Each structure stands twice: as C-alpha cells, then as structure tokens.
N, C-alpha and C. Protein backbone atom coordinates (compact mmCIF):
# COMPACT_ATOMS: atom_id res chain seq x y z
N MET A 1 0.43 -19.52 -26.19
CA MET A 1 0.02 -20.35 -25.07
C MET A 1 -1.38 -19.94 -24.63
N ASP A 2 -2.26 -20.89 -24.49
CA ASP A 2 -3.59 -20.67 -23.95
C ASP A 2 -3.66 -21.33 -22.58
N ILE A 3 -4.22 -20.63 -21.61
CA ILE A 3 -4.28 -21.15 -20.25
C ILE A 3 -5.71 -21.09 -19.75
N ASP A 4 -6.24 -22.21 -19.34
CA ASP A 4 -7.56 -22.26 -18.71
C ASP A 4 -7.35 -21.91 -17.23
N ILE A 5 -7.57 -20.67 -16.88
CA ILE A 5 -7.26 -20.19 -15.53
C ILE A 5 -8.08 -20.92 -14.47
N GLU A 6 -9.29 -21.36 -14.83
CA GLU A 6 -10.14 -22.06 -13.87
C GLU A 6 -9.62 -23.47 -13.57
N ALA A 7 -8.75 -24.00 -14.43
CA ALA A 7 -8.21 -25.33 -14.21
C ALA A 7 -7.00 -25.32 -13.27
N LEU A 8 -6.51 -24.13 -12.96
CA LEU A 8 -5.34 -24.01 -12.10
C LEU A 8 -5.75 -23.85 -10.64
N GLY A 9 -4.85 -24.24 -9.74
CA GLY A 9 -5.05 -24.00 -8.32
C GLY A 9 -4.81 -22.53 -8.00
N ALA A 10 -5.25 -22.11 -6.81
CA ALA A 10 -5.15 -20.71 -6.41
C ALA A 10 -3.70 -20.21 -6.41
N ARG A 11 -2.76 -21.04 -5.96
CA ARG A 11 -1.36 -20.60 -5.90
C ARG A 11 -0.80 -20.34 -7.30
N ASP A 12 -1.11 -21.23 -8.26
CA ASP A 12 -0.64 -21.03 -9.62
C ASP A 12 -1.31 -19.83 -10.28
N ARG A 13 -2.60 -19.63 -9.99
CA ARG A 13 -3.28 -18.43 -10.50
C ARG A 13 -2.61 -17.17 -9.96
N TYR A 14 -2.29 -17.20 -8.66
CA TYR A 14 -1.62 -16.04 -8.05
C TYR A 14 -0.28 -15.75 -8.75
N LYS A 15 0.53 -16.80 -8.94
CA LYS A 15 1.85 -16.61 -9.55
C LYS A 15 1.73 -16.00 -10.95
N LEU A 16 0.78 -16.51 -11.73
CA LEU A 16 0.60 -15.98 -13.08
C LEU A 16 0.08 -14.55 -13.07
N MET A 17 -0.95 -14.30 -12.30
CA MET A 17 -1.54 -12.95 -12.29
C MET A 17 -0.57 -11.93 -11.71
N ALA A 18 0.07 -12.27 -10.58
CA ALA A 18 0.99 -11.32 -9.94
C ALA A 18 2.24 -11.10 -10.78
N GLY A 19 2.61 -12.07 -11.61
CA GLY A 19 3.78 -11.91 -12.47
C GLY A 19 3.48 -11.21 -13.77
N LEU A 20 2.23 -11.27 -14.23
CA LEU A 20 1.88 -10.67 -15.51
C LEU A 20 1.22 -9.30 -15.39
N ILE A 21 0.48 -9.08 -14.32
CA ILE A 21 -0.18 -7.78 -14.15
C ILE A 21 0.76 -6.88 -13.36
N VAL A 22 1.70 -6.31 -14.07
CA VAL A 22 2.79 -5.52 -13.49
C VAL A 22 3.07 -4.29 -14.34
N PRO A 23 3.76 -3.30 -13.83
CA PRO A 23 4.16 -3.15 -12.43
C PRO A 23 2.97 -2.68 -11.59
N ARG A 24 3.01 -3.06 -10.31
CA ARG A 24 1.95 -2.66 -9.39
C ARG A 24 2.52 -1.68 -8.36
N PRO A 25 1.81 -0.58 -8.10
CA PRO A 25 2.29 0.34 -7.06
C PRO A 25 2.27 -0.34 -5.70
N ILE A 26 3.12 0.11 -4.82
CA ILE A 26 3.22 -0.47 -3.48
C ILE A 26 2.62 0.49 -2.47
N ALA A 27 1.67 -0.01 -1.70
CA ALA A 27 1.08 0.75 -0.61
C ALA A 27 1.74 0.28 0.69
N LEU A 28 2.43 1.17 1.37
CA LEU A 28 2.92 0.87 2.71
C LEU A 28 1.88 1.45 3.65
N VAL A 29 1.13 0.58 4.32
CA VAL A 29 -0.07 0.98 5.05
C VAL A 29 0.17 0.99 6.56
N THR A 30 -0.19 2.10 7.20
CA THR A 30 -0.12 2.16 8.66
C THR A 30 -1.53 2.08 9.23
N THR A 31 -1.64 1.34 10.34
CA THR A 31 -2.89 1.20 11.09
C THR A 31 -2.53 1.18 12.57
N VAL A 32 -3.56 1.19 13.42
CA VAL A 32 -3.35 1.15 14.87
C VAL A 32 -4.04 -0.09 15.43
N SER A 33 -3.30 -0.85 16.26
CA SER A 33 -3.88 -2.04 16.88
C SER A 33 -4.75 -1.64 18.08
N ALA A 34 -5.52 -2.60 18.58
CA ALA A 34 -6.37 -2.34 19.75
C ALA A 34 -5.52 -1.93 20.95
N GLY A 35 -4.27 -2.41 21.00
CA GLY A 35 -3.37 -2.06 22.09
C GLY A 35 -2.57 -0.80 21.85
N GLY A 36 -2.84 -0.10 20.74
CA GLY A 36 -2.15 1.16 20.45
C GLY A 36 -0.85 1.01 19.68
N VAL A 37 -0.53 -0.20 19.20
CA VAL A 37 0.71 -0.41 18.44
C VAL A 37 0.50 0.08 17.01
N MET A 38 1.48 0.87 16.52
CA MET A 38 1.43 1.36 15.14
C MET A 38 1.97 0.28 14.22
N ASN A 39 1.12 -0.25 13.38
CA ASN A 39 1.45 -1.32 12.45
C ASN A 39 1.77 -0.71 11.09
N ALA A 40 2.73 -1.28 10.37
CA ALA A 40 3.05 -0.86 9.01
C ALA A 40 3.32 -2.10 8.17
N ALA A 41 2.67 -2.20 7.02
CA ALA A 41 2.84 -3.37 6.17
C ALA A 41 2.71 -2.98 4.70
N PRO A 42 3.54 -3.57 3.82
CA PRO A 42 3.46 -3.26 2.39
C PRO A 42 2.50 -4.21 1.66
N PHE A 43 1.78 -3.65 0.69
CA PHE A 43 0.86 -4.42 -0.15
C PHE A 43 0.95 -3.92 -1.59
N SER A 44 1.03 -4.85 -2.53
CA SER A 44 1.07 -4.44 -3.94
C SER A 44 -0.22 -4.73 -4.68
N MET A 45 -1.21 -5.25 -3.99
CA MET A 45 -2.54 -5.35 -4.58
C MET A 45 -3.27 -4.07 -4.18
N PHE A 46 -2.94 -2.99 -4.88
CA PHE A 46 -3.35 -1.65 -4.48
C PHE A 46 -3.43 -0.76 -5.72
N ASN A 47 -4.40 0.15 -5.72
CA ASN A 47 -4.46 1.16 -6.77
C ASN A 47 -5.52 2.20 -6.47
N MET A 48 -5.53 3.23 -7.30
CA MET A 48 -6.52 4.30 -7.26
C MET A 48 -7.77 3.82 -8.00
N LEU A 49 -8.96 4.18 -7.49
CA LEU A 49 -10.21 3.79 -8.15
C LEU A 49 -10.93 4.96 -8.79
N GLY A 50 -10.81 6.14 -8.24
CA GLY A 50 -11.50 7.29 -8.81
C GLY A 50 -11.32 8.51 -7.94
N GLU A 51 -11.83 9.65 -8.45
CA GLU A 51 -11.60 10.92 -7.76
C GLU A 51 -12.85 11.54 -7.15
N ASP A 52 -14.03 11.03 -7.46
CA ASP A 52 -15.24 11.64 -6.93
C ASP A 52 -16.26 10.57 -6.55
N PRO A 53 -16.18 10.00 -5.33
CA PRO A 53 -15.26 10.37 -4.26
C PRO A 53 -13.85 9.84 -4.52
N PRO A 54 -12.83 10.44 -3.87
CA PRO A 54 -11.45 9.99 -4.06
C PRO A 54 -11.23 8.65 -3.35
N LEU A 55 -11.10 7.57 -4.12
CA LEU A 55 -11.02 6.23 -3.55
C LEU A 55 -9.76 5.50 -3.98
N VAL A 56 -9.24 4.69 -3.03
CA VAL A 56 -8.16 3.75 -3.34
C VAL A 56 -8.66 2.35 -2.95
N LEU A 57 -8.06 1.34 -3.57
CA LEU A 57 -8.40 -0.05 -3.30
C LEU A 57 -7.18 -0.74 -2.71
N LEU A 58 -7.39 -1.46 -1.64
CA LEU A 58 -6.34 -2.21 -0.97
C LEU A 58 -6.85 -3.64 -0.77
N SER A 59 -6.15 -4.61 -1.34
CA SER A 59 -6.55 -6.01 -1.25
C SER A 59 -5.55 -6.75 -0.38
N ILE A 60 -6.04 -7.35 0.71
CA ILE A 60 -5.18 -8.02 1.68
C ILE A 60 -5.54 -9.50 1.75
N ASN A 61 -4.58 -10.34 1.44
CA ASN A 61 -4.83 -11.78 1.48
C ASN A 61 -4.86 -12.30 2.91
N ARG A 62 -5.55 -13.42 3.09
CA ARG A 62 -5.55 -14.08 4.39
C ARG A 62 -4.29 -14.94 4.47
N ARG A 63 -3.87 -15.24 5.69
CA ARG A 63 -2.71 -16.11 5.89
C ARG A 63 -3.05 -17.53 5.50
N ASP A 64 -2.03 -18.39 5.43
CA ASP A 64 -2.24 -19.79 5.06
C ASP A 64 -3.20 -20.50 6.01
N ASP A 65 -3.22 -20.09 7.28
CA ASP A 65 -4.13 -20.72 8.25
C ASP A 65 -5.51 -20.04 8.27
N GLU A 66 -5.76 -19.19 7.27
CA GLU A 66 -7.04 -18.47 7.11
C GLU A 66 -7.23 -17.30 8.07
N SER A 67 -6.23 -17.04 8.93
CA SER A 67 -6.36 -15.90 9.84
C SER A 67 -6.13 -14.59 9.08
N ARG A 68 -6.60 -13.50 9.66
CA ARG A 68 -6.47 -12.19 9.02
C ARG A 68 -5.18 -11.51 9.46
N LYS A 69 -4.58 -10.79 8.55
CA LYS A 69 -3.37 -10.03 8.86
C LYS A 69 -3.73 -8.85 9.76
N ASP A 70 -2.73 -8.38 10.51
CA ASP A 70 -2.95 -7.28 11.46
C ASP A 70 -3.57 -6.07 10.77
N THR A 71 -3.10 -5.73 9.58
CA THR A 71 -3.62 -4.55 8.87
C THR A 71 -5.12 -4.69 8.64
N ALA A 72 -5.56 -5.86 8.17
CA ALA A 72 -6.99 -6.08 7.93
C ALA A 72 -7.79 -6.01 9.22
N VAL A 73 -7.28 -6.62 10.28
CA VAL A 73 -7.96 -6.58 11.58
C VAL A 73 -8.11 -5.14 12.04
N ASN A 74 -7.04 -4.36 11.93
CA ASN A 74 -7.05 -2.97 12.40
C ASN A 74 -7.98 -2.09 11.57
N ILE A 75 -8.00 -2.28 10.25
CA ILE A 75 -8.90 -1.48 9.40
C ILE A 75 -10.35 -1.80 9.74
N ARG A 76 -10.64 -3.08 9.89
CA ARG A 76 -12.01 -3.48 10.24
C ARG A 76 -12.45 -2.85 11.56
N ARG A 77 -11.54 -2.82 12.54
CA ARG A 77 -11.88 -2.34 13.87
C ARG A 77 -12.02 -0.82 13.91
N THR A 78 -11.11 -0.09 13.25
CA THR A 78 -11.09 1.37 13.37
C THR A 78 -11.70 2.11 12.19
N GLY A 79 -11.66 1.48 11.00
CA GLY A 79 -12.13 2.17 9.80
C GLY A 79 -11.17 3.23 9.31
N GLU A 80 -9.90 3.15 9.74
CA GLU A 80 -8.92 4.17 9.36
C GLU A 80 -7.59 3.53 8.98
N PHE A 81 -6.91 4.14 8.01
CA PHE A 81 -5.57 3.70 7.61
C PHE A 81 -4.90 4.79 6.79
N VAL A 82 -3.58 4.72 6.71
CA VAL A 82 -2.82 5.67 5.90
C VAL A 82 -2.00 4.87 4.88
N VAL A 83 -2.17 5.23 3.61
CA VAL A 83 -1.42 4.59 2.52
C VAL A 83 -0.25 5.49 2.16
N HIS A 84 0.95 4.91 2.14
CA HIS A 84 2.15 5.64 1.75
C HIS A 84 2.68 5.09 0.44
N MET A 85 2.99 5.98 -0.48
CA MET A 85 3.67 5.56 -1.69
C MET A 85 5.14 5.37 -1.33
N THR A 86 5.76 4.37 -1.92
CA THR A 86 7.15 4.04 -1.61
C THR A 86 8.04 4.49 -2.76
N ASP A 87 9.14 5.17 -2.43
CA ASP A 87 10.08 5.58 -3.48
C ASP A 87 11.44 4.92 -3.27
N GLU A 88 12.36 5.17 -4.18
CA GLU A 88 13.66 4.51 -4.14
C GLU A 88 14.41 4.71 -2.83
N PRO A 89 14.46 5.95 -2.28
CA PRO A 89 15.23 6.13 -1.04
C PRO A 89 14.73 5.31 0.15
N MET A 90 13.44 4.96 0.19
CA MET A 90 12.92 4.23 1.35
C MET A 90 12.59 2.77 1.03
N ALA A 91 13.03 2.28 -0.11
CA ALA A 91 12.67 0.93 -0.57
C ALA A 91 13.07 -0.16 0.43
N GLN A 92 14.27 -0.12 0.93
CA GLN A 92 14.73 -1.16 1.85
C GLN A 92 13.95 -1.15 3.16
N LYS A 93 13.63 0.05 3.64
CA LYS A 93 12.86 0.15 4.89
C LYS A 93 11.43 -0.35 4.68
N MET A 94 10.85 -0.06 3.52
CA MET A 94 9.52 -0.59 3.20
C MET A 94 9.57 -2.11 3.22
N HIS A 95 10.60 -2.67 2.60
CA HIS A 95 10.73 -4.13 2.50
C HIS A 95 10.83 -4.77 3.90
N ARG A 96 11.54 -4.10 4.82
CA ARG A 96 11.66 -4.61 6.19
C ARG A 96 10.33 -4.62 6.93
N CYS A 97 9.40 -3.75 6.53
CA CYS A 97 8.07 -3.74 7.15
C CYS A 97 7.31 -5.01 6.81
N GLY A 98 7.75 -5.78 5.83
CA GLY A 98 7.13 -7.04 5.48
C GLY A 98 7.62 -8.21 6.30
N ASP A 99 8.62 -7.98 7.16
CA ASP A 99 9.12 -9.05 8.02
C ASP A 99 8.00 -9.52 8.97
N ILE A 100 7.99 -10.79 9.28
CA ILE A 100 6.98 -11.33 10.19
C ILE A 100 7.40 -11.03 11.62
N LEU A 101 6.59 -10.22 12.29
CA LEU A 101 6.88 -9.79 13.67
C LEU A 101 5.66 -10.08 14.54
N PRO A 102 5.85 -10.20 15.84
CA PRO A 102 4.69 -10.32 16.74
C PRO A 102 3.81 -9.07 16.63
N SER A 103 2.51 -9.23 16.84
CA SER A 103 1.56 -8.12 16.70
C SER A 103 1.87 -6.94 17.62
N GLU A 104 2.54 -7.21 18.74
CA GLU A 104 2.83 -6.12 19.68
C GLU A 104 4.11 -5.36 19.34
N VAL A 105 4.78 -5.71 18.24
CA VAL A 105 5.99 -5.01 17.81
C VAL A 105 5.66 -4.14 16.60
N SER A 106 6.05 -2.87 16.65
CA SER A 106 5.79 -1.95 15.55
C SER A 106 6.84 -2.12 14.45
N GLU A 107 6.36 -2.30 13.24
CA GLU A 107 7.25 -2.40 12.08
C GLU A 107 7.98 -1.09 11.82
N LEU A 108 7.39 0.02 12.25
CA LEU A 108 8.04 1.32 12.05
C LEU A 108 9.38 1.36 12.78
N ALA A 109 9.39 0.96 14.04
CA ALA A 109 10.64 0.94 14.81
C ALA A 109 11.60 -0.10 14.24
N HIS A 110 11.07 -1.26 13.89
CA HIS A 110 11.87 -2.35 13.33
C HIS A 110 12.60 -1.91 12.06
N ALA A 111 11.92 -1.14 11.21
CA ALA A 111 12.49 -0.72 9.92
C ALA A 111 13.24 0.60 10.00
N GLY A 112 13.13 1.29 11.12
CA GLY A 112 13.81 2.58 11.25
C GLY A 112 13.09 3.71 10.54
N LEU A 113 11.75 3.65 10.50
CA LEU A 113 10.95 4.70 9.88
C LEU A 113 10.42 5.65 10.94
N THR A 114 10.24 6.91 10.56
CA THR A 114 9.86 7.96 11.49
C THR A 114 8.36 8.24 11.43
N PRO A 115 7.63 8.06 12.54
CA PRO A 115 6.20 8.37 12.55
C PRO A 115 5.96 9.85 12.82
N ALA A 116 4.85 10.36 12.28
CA ALA A 116 4.40 11.73 12.56
C ALA A 116 2.88 11.69 12.63
N PRO A 117 2.28 12.60 13.40
CA PRO A 117 0.82 12.59 13.52
C PRO A 117 0.13 12.85 12.18
N SER A 118 -0.99 12.18 11.98
CA SER A 118 -1.83 12.45 10.83
C SER A 118 -2.78 13.58 11.19
N ARG A 119 -3.50 14.11 10.19
CA ARG A 119 -4.41 15.23 10.44
C ARG A 119 -5.84 14.79 10.71
N ARG A 120 -6.32 13.72 10.02
CA ARG A 120 -7.72 13.33 10.11
C ARG A 120 -7.97 11.94 10.67
N VAL A 121 -6.91 11.13 10.76
CA VAL A 121 -7.08 9.75 11.24
C VAL A 121 -6.06 9.45 12.33
N ALA A 122 -6.30 8.39 13.10
CA ALA A 122 -5.42 8.03 14.21
C ALA A 122 -4.09 7.40 13.77
N PRO A 123 -4.06 6.53 12.73
CA PRO A 123 -2.77 5.96 12.34
C PRO A 123 -1.78 7.06 11.94
N VAL A 124 -0.54 6.86 12.30
CA VAL A 124 0.49 7.84 11.97
C VAL A 124 0.82 7.80 10.48
N ARG A 125 1.45 8.86 10.02
CA ARG A 125 2.04 8.87 8.69
C ARG A 125 3.54 8.67 8.83
N ILE A 126 4.19 8.28 7.75
CA ILE A 126 5.63 8.01 7.76
C ILE A 126 6.34 9.19 7.11
N VAL A 127 7.23 9.83 7.85
CA VAL A 127 7.92 11.03 7.40
C VAL A 127 8.71 10.78 6.12
N GLU A 128 9.36 9.62 6.01
CA GLU A 128 10.22 9.33 4.85
C GLU A 128 9.44 9.13 3.55
N ALA A 129 8.15 8.88 3.63
CA ALA A 129 7.36 8.61 2.42
C ALA A 129 7.12 9.89 1.62
N PRO A 130 7.22 9.82 0.29
CA PRO A 130 6.97 11.00 -0.52
C PRO A 130 5.50 11.41 -0.53
N VAL A 131 4.61 10.43 -0.31
CA VAL A 131 3.17 10.68 -0.33
C VAL A 131 2.52 9.85 0.77
N ALA A 132 1.63 10.47 1.54
CA ALA A 132 0.84 9.77 2.54
C ALA A 132 -0.62 10.15 2.33
N LEU A 133 -1.47 9.13 2.21
CA LEU A 133 -2.89 9.34 1.94
C LEU A 133 -3.69 8.87 3.15
N GLU A 134 -4.24 9.81 3.89
CA GLU A 134 -5.06 9.46 5.05
C GLU A 134 -6.43 9.01 4.54
N CYS A 135 -6.86 7.82 4.96
CA CYS A 135 -8.09 7.23 4.45
C CYS A 135 -9.03 6.78 5.56
N THR A 136 -10.32 6.85 5.26
CA THR A 136 -11.33 6.20 6.08
C THR A 136 -11.99 5.12 5.23
N LEU A 137 -12.47 4.09 5.89
CA LEU A 137 -13.05 2.96 5.19
C LEU A 137 -14.35 3.36 4.52
N TYR A 138 -14.44 3.12 3.21
CA TYR A 138 -15.62 3.46 2.42
C TYR A 138 -16.50 2.23 2.22
N GLU A 139 -15.85 1.10 1.91
CA GLU A 139 -16.57 -0.15 1.70
C GLU A 139 -15.61 -1.32 1.81
N THR A 140 -16.14 -2.48 2.18
CA THR A 140 -15.34 -3.70 2.28
C THR A 140 -15.99 -4.78 1.43
N LEU A 141 -15.16 -5.51 0.69
CA LEU A 141 -15.59 -6.65 -0.10
C LEU A 141 -14.80 -7.85 0.39
N GLU A 142 -15.35 -9.03 0.24
CA GLU A 142 -14.63 -10.24 0.63
C GLU A 142 -14.70 -11.29 -0.47
N THR A 143 -13.58 -11.98 -0.67
CA THR A 143 -13.55 -13.15 -1.53
C THR A 143 -13.11 -14.32 -0.65
N THR A 144 -12.96 -15.48 -1.24
CA THR A 144 -12.53 -16.62 -0.44
C THR A 144 -11.12 -16.46 0.09
N SER A 145 -10.28 -15.66 -0.58
CA SER A 145 -8.88 -15.54 -0.17
C SER A 145 -8.49 -14.14 0.32
N ARG A 146 -9.36 -13.15 0.16
CA ARG A 146 -8.94 -11.77 0.41
C ARG A 146 -10.04 -10.92 1.03
N GLU A 147 -9.57 -9.84 1.68
CA GLU A 147 -10.45 -8.76 2.10
C GLU A 147 -10.04 -7.55 1.27
N ILE A 148 -11.01 -6.91 0.67
CA ILE A 148 -10.74 -5.78 -0.21
C ILE A 148 -11.35 -4.54 0.42
N PHE A 149 -10.49 -3.58 0.72
CA PHE A 149 -10.91 -2.36 1.39
C PHE A 149 -10.88 -1.20 0.40
N LEU A 150 -11.99 -0.49 0.31
CA LEU A 150 -12.02 0.75 -0.44
C LEU A 150 -11.85 1.86 0.58
N GLY A 151 -10.85 2.68 0.38
CA GLY A 151 -10.58 3.77 1.29
C GLY A 151 -10.85 5.10 0.64
N GLN A 152 -11.51 5.99 1.38
CA GLN A 152 -11.76 7.34 0.87
C GLN A 152 -10.69 8.27 1.42
N LEU A 153 -10.01 8.99 0.53
CA LEU A 153 -8.98 9.93 0.94
C LEU A 153 -9.59 11.08 1.70
N ARG A 154 -8.97 11.39 2.85
CA ARG A 154 -9.43 12.51 3.68
C ARG A 154 -8.39 13.62 3.77
N TRP A 155 -7.11 13.26 3.56
CA TRP A 155 -6.04 14.25 3.65
C TRP A 155 -4.83 13.68 2.93
N MET A 156 -4.04 14.55 2.31
CA MET A 156 -2.82 14.15 1.61
C MET A 156 -1.62 14.90 2.17
N HIS A 157 -0.53 14.17 2.36
CA HIS A 157 0.75 14.79 2.69
C HIS A 157 1.67 14.47 1.51
N VAL A 158 2.31 15.50 0.96
CA VAL A 158 3.19 15.31 -0.19
C VAL A 158 4.51 16.02 0.09
N ARG A 159 5.61 15.34 -0.21
CA ARG A 159 6.94 15.91 0.00
C ARG A 159 7.06 17.23 -0.73
N ASP A 160 7.67 18.21 -0.07
CA ASP A 160 7.90 19.52 -0.70
C ASP A 160 8.63 19.35 -2.02
N GLY A 161 8.17 20.09 -3.02
CA GLY A 161 8.80 20.06 -4.34
C GLY A 161 8.19 19.06 -5.31
N LEU A 162 7.26 18.22 -4.84
CA LEU A 162 6.66 17.23 -5.73
C LEU A 162 5.45 17.75 -6.50
N VAL A 163 4.75 18.75 -5.96
CA VAL A 163 3.53 19.24 -6.59
C VAL A 163 3.59 20.74 -6.77
N ASP A 164 3.18 21.21 -7.95
CA ASP A 164 3.04 22.63 -8.25
C ASP A 164 1.64 23.04 -7.80
N ARG A 165 1.56 23.92 -6.80
CA ARG A 165 0.25 24.32 -6.27
C ARG A 165 -0.59 25.10 -7.28
N GLY A 166 0.03 25.73 -8.25
CA GLY A 166 -0.73 26.49 -9.26
C GLY A 166 -1.45 25.60 -10.24
N SER A 167 -0.78 24.54 -10.70
CA SER A 167 -1.37 23.66 -11.72
C SER A 167 -1.81 22.31 -11.16
N TRP A 168 -1.40 21.99 -9.93
CA TRP A 168 -1.62 20.69 -9.29
C TRP A 168 -0.97 19.55 -10.08
N ARG A 169 0.08 19.87 -10.80
CA ARG A 169 0.83 18.86 -11.55
C ARG A 169 1.96 18.32 -10.68
N VAL A 170 2.22 17.01 -10.85
CA VAL A 170 3.31 16.36 -10.11
C VAL A 170 4.61 16.54 -10.88
N ASN A 171 5.68 16.90 -10.18
CA ASN A 171 7.01 17.01 -10.76
C ASN A 171 7.59 15.60 -10.86
N LEU A 172 7.40 14.95 -12.00
CA LEU A 172 7.82 13.56 -12.16
C LEU A 172 9.33 13.38 -12.10
N ASP A 173 10.10 14.44 -12.35
CA ASP A 173 11.56 14.34 -12.23
C ASP A 173 11.99 14.19 -10.78
N ALA A 174 11.17 14.66 -9.85
CA ALA A 174 11.50 14.59 -8.43
C ALA A 174 10.84 13.42 -7.73
N TYR A 175 9.98 12.70 -8.43
CA TYR A 175 9.20 11.61 -7.83
C TYR A 175 9.70 10.29 -8.40
N LEU A 176 10.25 9.43 -7.53
CA LEU A 176 10.87 8.18 -7.97
C LEU A 176 10.23 6.98 -7.29
N PRO A 177 8.92 6.75 -7.53
CA PRO A 177 8.27 5.61 -6.89
C PRO A 177 8.81 4.29 -7.42
N ILE A 178 8.67 3.26 -6.61
CA ILE A 178 9.02 1.92 -7.08
C ILE A 178 7.74 1.11 -7.18
N ALA A 179 7.81 0.03 -7.96
CA ALA A 179 6.65 -0.82 -8.17
C ALA A 179 7.04 -2.27 -8.01
N ARG A 180 6.06 -3.09 -7.79
CA ARG A 180 6.28 -4.52 -7.59
C ARG A 180 6.14 -5.24 -8.92
N MET A 181 7.09 -6.11 -9.19
CA MET A 181 7.01 -7.02 -10.32
C MET A 181 6.66 -8.38 -9.72
N GLY A 182 6.98 -9.48 -10.36
CA GLY A 182 6.69 -10.79 -9.81
C GLY A 182 7.77 -11.25 -8.85
N GLY A 183 7.43 -12.16 -7.94
CA GLY A 183 8.41 -12.74 -7.01
C GLY A 183 9.07 -11.68 -6.17
N TRP A 184 10.42 -11.70 -6.16
CA TRP A 184 11.20 -10.74 -5.37
C TRP A 184 11.57 -9.49 -6.18
N SER A 185 11.05 -9.36 -7.38
CA SER A 185 11.46 -8.28 -8.28
C SER A 185 10.65 -7.00 -8.09
N TYR A 186 11.36 -5.89 -8.16
CA TYR A 186 10.77 -4.57 -8.10
C TYR A 186 11.24 -3.78 -9.32
N ALA A 187 10.60 -2.68 -9.61
CA ALA A 187 10.98 -1.84 -10.74
C ALA A 187 11.01 -0.38 -10.29
N SER A 188 11.95 0.36 -10.88
CA SER A 188 11.98 1.80 -10.66
C SER A 188 11.31 2.47 -11.86
N THR A 189 11.21 3.78 -11.82
CA THR A 189 10.57 4.51 -12.92
C THR A 189 11.56 5.45 -13.62
N ARG A 190 12.82 5.12 -13.56
CA ARG A 190 13.82 6.01 -14.15
C ARG A 190 13.82 6.00 -15.68
N GLU A 191 13.46 4.89 -16.27
CA GLU A 191 13.39 4.83 -17.73
C GLU A 191 11.97 5.21 -18.14
N ARG A 192 11.83 6.39 -18.76
CA ARG A 192 10.51 6.87 -19.13
C ARG A 192 10.51 7.32 -20.58
N PHE A 193 9.36 7.22 -21.22
CA PHE A 193 9.22 7.73 -22.57
C PHE A 193 7.77 8.17 -22.76
N GLU A 194 7.53 8.96 -23.81
CA GLU A 194 6.19 9.47 -24.08
C GLU A 194 5.68 8.96 -25.40
N MET A 195 4.37 8.75 -25.49
CA MET A 195 3.69 8.47 -26.74
C MET A 195 2.47 9.37 -26.77
N ARG A 196 2.36 10.19 -27.79
CA ARG A 196 1.25 11.15 -27.87
C ARG A 196 0.31 10.77 -28.99
C-alpha cells in the first residue's frame, strides 16, 4: 500500500501516524495553574532528545476549538513541569488523569495520586511514579495543531531499586513501564528479547 500523506486530512494523518509509530512512552505531566491548582495530564507524543543538555520533547495538541490545554498554558506561564514515566501498577490512575475536568479541579486528587514536593521546580512530583523528571522550559516550537516543548532535566527522582548507583544501569527486571499503541491500546514491556 502506498499512501500520499499530503492528500489526507489531519485526522486521518493522526490516526495513521499514531497507530504506526508505536509503542510511544507515556509522559504523565504535572504543572501548576495560575490559581495554584496542581494539574496532571498524560501525553504520548513524548520522548528523550539527548543528554548534553539533557532534553525531553513534549508535544501537546490544541483542542478542537483551537484553545490550549491546561498543561500547555501552565508550561508557557511558568516554564516548569515534571514528567513522570508510567508503569503497570499506576496505569489506571494515569488514565484517569486524562478525564476532562474543570481547570480548578486537580487530576491528582481525582485519580487518587499522591503529590510530593519537587526539588528544583514548583510543580509537584507523583509518589507512585517510578521516575519523575523535573524540567524547565528550554525551547518552544509551534505547528498549526501543536505546541512542542523542549524541557531540560534539572532533577530526577527514581524509585528505590531501579538504578545501580555504581554503574548507573537501570534494573529492567524491576522497571515495568507501559507504552501507548493506537486508539485505546497500550502495551507492557514484559515480553523482551535481545539481538546483539
């Protein structure tokens, strides 16, 4: 099958790209609103960009009415956010953070997640997350449908037992992140193999 991607509408392009470019890691992002509400929202248009400087990329789509999501508004205003990796034990709570709620309601309380103070930024970190990456805004890009935030890592919180401090290697047997597939589908990382 050959597909002229430019001949398709944006929605069909999204369905194809989001269904084929998989699995995608899930960033559960916390930010702070102007009124002090702790916002939490999941995004799967997310990844690591490099280590020097240590950067992550977070792409947030605009709503159907062209308005910006709370996370994008908060990052633009404060220049700070915390990215949490999502694992199997917290998958359902992460998913509940995607529920549509009024801006003055915290998704953390709604989903039953536990906030804890961050070290370098104002948004809280989530205790249940295996990894929390405190970020400051490095650069912003815009397309017709999205705001793309490059975040520079300032501090990392990692669940005890996940990293060997001597080698800085991750214990993959103890780390069970989930990833986004297309539509409502997610994937675990339990089936693994090596190719050398």
